[in-house]
Amino acid sequence: MSVRVDGSVMAIPSHAEGEHLYRPVFNAWRSEGYAWFEMKDFEMLALGQDSRIVSFD
């Protein structure tokens, strides 16, 4: 699941679909000169045995 900046929520049912969704974003960033990005300040909330909500900067 992805929660967008505008508050909309998108279900991403598989890793393959996540890659398909974010591949164009990655390619656009790369074309703009980005070589990597960093994530920090992870927060995680467990939702049962197999689900988590994760936020980060």
C-alpha atoms as a PDB file:
ATOM      1  CA  MET A   1       0.000   0.000   0.000  1.00  0.00           C
ATOM      2  CA  SER A   2       1.193   3.475  -0.775  1.00  0.00           C
ATOM      3  CA  VAL A   3      -0.203   6.647   0.787  1.00  0.00           C
ATOM      4  CA  ARG A   4       0.482   9.562  -1.490  1.00  0.00           C
ATOM      5  CA  VAL A   5       1.247  13.151  -0.485  1.00  0.00           C
ATOM      6  CA  ASP A   6      -2.305  14.149  -1.411  1.00  0.00           C
ATOM      7  CA  GLY A   7      -3.663  11.520   1.024  1.00  0.00           C
ATOM      8  CA  SER A   8      -4.829   9.061  -1.617  1.00  0.00           C
ATOM      9  CA  VAL A   9      -4.154   5.383  -0.937  1.00  0.00           C
ATOM     10  CA  MET A  10      -3.087   2.798  -3.504  1.00  0.00           C
ATOM     11  CA  ALA A  11      -2.999  -0.937  -2.901  1.00  0.00           C
ATOM     12  CA  ILE A  12       0.122  -2.642  -4.272  1.00  0.00           C
ATOM     13  CA  PRO A  13      -0.582  -6.373  -4.030  1.00  0.00           C
ATOM     14  CA  SER A  14       2.827  -7.732  -5.067  1.00  0.00           C
ATOM     15  CA  HIS A  15       6.503  -6.831  -5.344  1.00  0.00           C
ATOM     16  CA  ALA A  16       6.237  -7.137  -9.126  1.00  0.00           C
ATOM     17  CA  GLU A  17       3.400  -4.615  -9.242  1.00  0.00           C
ATOM     18  CA  GLY A  18       5.347  -2.294  -6.937  1.00  0.00           C
ATOM     19  CA  GLU A  19       8.322  -2.455  -9.262  1.00  0.00           C
ATOM     20  CA  HIS A  20       6.062  -1.823 -12.274  1.00  0.00           C
ATOM     21  CA  LEU A  21       4.510   1.179 -10.511  1.00  0.00           C
ATOM     22  CA  TYR A  22       7.758   2.766  -9.326  1.00  0.00           C
ATOM     23  CA  ARG A  23      10.073   1.891 -12.240  1.00  0.00           C
ATOM     24  CA  PRO A  24       9.055   5.023 -14.216  1.00  0.00           C
ATOM     25  CA  VAL A  25       9.649   7.165 -11.114  1.00  0.00           C
ATOM     26  CA  PHE A  26      13.106   5.657 -10.662  1.00  0.00           C
ATOM     27  CA  ASN A  27      13.907   6.205 -14.351  1.00  0.00           C
ATOM     28  CA  ALA A  28      12.757   9.842 -14.177  1.00  0.00           C
ATOM     29  CA  TRP A  29      14.903  10.492 -11.103  1.00  0.00           C
ATOM     30  CA  ARG A  30      17.899   8.888 -12.789  1.00  0.00           C
ATOM     31  CA  SER A  31      17.403  11.026 -15.927  1.00  0.00           C
ATOM     32  CA  GLU A  32      17.450  14.095 -13.655  1.00  0.00           C
ATOM     33  CA  GLY A  33      20.840  13.081 -12.265  1.00  0.00           C
ATOM     34  CA  TYR A  34      19.850  11.281  -9.073  1.00  0.00           C
ATOM     35  CA  ALA A  35      22.152   8.342  -8.354  1.00  0.00           C
ATOM     36  CA  TRP A  36      20.706   7.362  -4.956  1.00  0.00           C
ATOM     37  CA  PHE A  37      18.493   8.559  -2.182  1.00  0.00           C
ATOM     38  CA  GLU A  38      18.609   8.063   1.548  1.00  0.00           C
ATOM     39  CA  MET A  39      15.908   7.189   4.035  1.00  0.00           C
ATOM     40  CA  LYS A  40      16.068   7.950   7.746  1.00  0.00           C
ATOM     41  CA  ASP A  41      13.911   8.276  10.830  1.00  0.00           C
ATOM     42  CA  PHE A  42      11.915   5.089  10.247  1.00  0.00           C
ATOM     43  CA  GLU A  43       8.771   4.585  12.278  1.00  0.00           C
ATOM     44  CA  MET A  44       6.908   1.285  12.169  1.00  0.00           C
ATOM     45  CA  LEU A  45       3.550   0.233  13.534  1.00  0.00           C
ATOM     46  CA  ALA A  46       2.668  -3.474  13.500  1.00  0.00           C
ATOM     47  CA  LEU A  47      -0.795  -4.319  12.182  1.00  0.00           C
ATOM     48  CA  GLY A  48      -1.190  -7.956  13.075  1.00  0.00           C
ATOM     49  CA  GLN A  49       1.286 -10.680  12.221  1.00  0.00           C
ATOM     50  CA  ASP A  50       2.062  -9.879   8.570  1.00  0.00           C
ATOM     51  CA  SER A  51       1.371  -6.163   8.089  1.00  0.00           C
ATOM     52  CA  ARG A  52       3.172  -2.980   9.032  1.00  0.00           C
ATOM     53  CA  ILE A  53       2.776   0.724   8.495  1.00  0.00           C
ATOM     54  CA  VAL A  54       6.178   2.292   7.847  1.00  0.00           C
ATOM     55  CA  SER A  55       6.947   5.966   7.537  1.00  0.00           C
ATOM     56  CA  PHE A  56      10.304   7.629   6.978  1.00  0.00           C
ATOM     57  CA  ASP A  57      11.992  10.829   5.872  1.00  0.00           C
END
